[in-house]
Protein backbone atom coordinates (compact mmCIF):
# COMPACT_ATOMS: atom_id res chain seq x y z
CA MET A 1 165.32 -16.40 50.79
CA ILE A 2 164.34 -19.33 52.36
CA ASP A 3 164.91 -17.90 55.79
CA ASN A 4 162.79 -14.91 54.76
CA MET A 5 159.66 -17.13 53.88
CA GLU A 6 158.17 -16.44 57.48
CA ILE A 7 158.57 -13.01 56.80
CA ILE A 8 157.14 -13.34 53.55
CA TYR A 9 154.28 -15.19 54.22
CA GLU A 10 153.33 -13.13 57.25
CA GLY A 11 153.20 -10.01 55.23
CA ALA A 12 151.35 -11.35 52.49
CA GLU A 13 148.02 -10.14 52.04
CA VAL A 14 146.76 -13.56 50.87
CA THR A 15 148.41 -16.83 50.00
CA LEU A 16 146.86 -19.03 47.16
CA VAL A 17 146.51 -22.75 48.07
CA ALA A 18 145.95 -25.09 45.47
CA LEU A 19 144.64 -28.59 46.70
CA HIS A 20 144.18 -30.12 43.67
CA GLY A 21 147.41 -30.60 41.77
CA ASN A 22 149.52 -33.68 42.37
CA HIS A 23 152.66 -31.80 41.82
CA ASP A 24 154.11 -27.82 41.77
CA GLN A 25 153.38 -27.69 38.18
CA SER A 26 149.39 -28.47 38.20
CA GLY A 27 148.12 -24.98 37.92
CA LEU A 28 145.44 -23.29 39.05
CA PRO A 29 141.89 -24.34 38.08
CA GLY A 30 139.87 -22.04 36.48
CA VAL A 31 143.11 -20.04 35.49
CA SER A 32 145.00 -22.57 33.65
CA ILE A 33 144.20 -25.08 30.97
CA ILE A 34 142.61 -27.07 34.04
CA CYS A 35 138.81 -26.89 34.39
CA ARG A 36 137.15 -26.25 37.64
CA ALA A 37 135.18 -29.00 39.02
CA THR A 38 131.15 -28.32 38.89
CA LYS A 39 129.78 -27.59 42.13
CA PRO A 40 126.46 -28.93 43.50
CA ASN A 41 123.64 -26.15 42.94
CA PHE A 42 120.19 -25.77 43.89
CA ASP A 43 117.65 -23.26 42.21
CA THR A 44 115.36 -21.77 44.81
CA GLY A 45 112.84 -21.09 42.36
CA ILE A 46 113.52 -17.24 43.09
CA ASP A 47 116.24 -16.45 40.53
CA GLN A 48 118.72 -17.32 43.30
CA LEU A 49 121.43 -20.42 43.24
CA LEU A 50 122.93 -21.99 46.54
CA PHE A 51 126.32 -23.45 46.31
CA ALA A 52 127.18 -26.25 48.66
CA PHE A 53 130.62 -26.46 49.72
CA PRO A 54 132.59 -29.13 51.40
CA GLU A 55 134.14 -28.52 54.86
CA ILE A 56 137.78 -27.58 54.07
CA ARG A 57 139.49 -29.41 56.67
CA PRO A 58 139.13 -32.91 55.42
CA LEU A 59 139.92 -31.59 51.94
CA ILE A 60 143.03 -30.02 53.18
CA GLU A 61 144.29 -33.12 55.40
CA SER A 62 143.80 -35.46 52.46
CA SER A 63 145.37 -33.53 49.66
CA THR A 64 148.64 -33.57 48.30
CA TRP A 65 149.51 -30.20 49.32
CA ASN A 66 149.42 -31.12 52.99
CA THR A 67 152.11 -33.72 52.13
CA ARG A 68 154.68 -31.28 50.88
CA GLY A 69 157.37 -30.08 53.32
CA TRP A 70 157.52 -26.49 51.68
CA THR A 71 153.99 -26.30 52.17
CA TYR A 72 154.41 -26.34 56.15
CA GLN A 73 155.51 -22.76 56.28
CA GLU A 74 152.41 -21.53 54.07
CA ALA A 75 150.17 -23.31 56.46
CA ARG A 76 152.00 -22.06 59.32
CA PHE A 77 152.66 -18.52 58.89
CA SER A 78 150.01 -17.26 56.22
CA SER A 79 146.88 -15.71 57.21
CA PRO A 80 144.44 -15.48 55.13
CA MET A 81 144.71 -18.20 52.88
CA LEU A 82 142.75 -18.82 49.86
CA VAL A 83 142.25 -22.61 49.19
CA LEU A 84 141.31 -23.84 46.03
CA GLN A 85 139.94 -27.15 45.06
């Protein structure tokens, strides 16, 4: 199976990337028992909320996910990726 990971990732509709975890059993924020961090927001006064999201590249580069050997294939062969923080 490991020999086929390139084909698996290239054929995937989307690859979920969990940046927040310190290990492979951390779960997904908002899906598991781990709460999702509150995002900054702004009320415009006309019933709209705007969310400010940080740039993704620095988050990826400083994440534990970026240091793992097996995630190299995810980054190299997956398109698109949904990055969860």
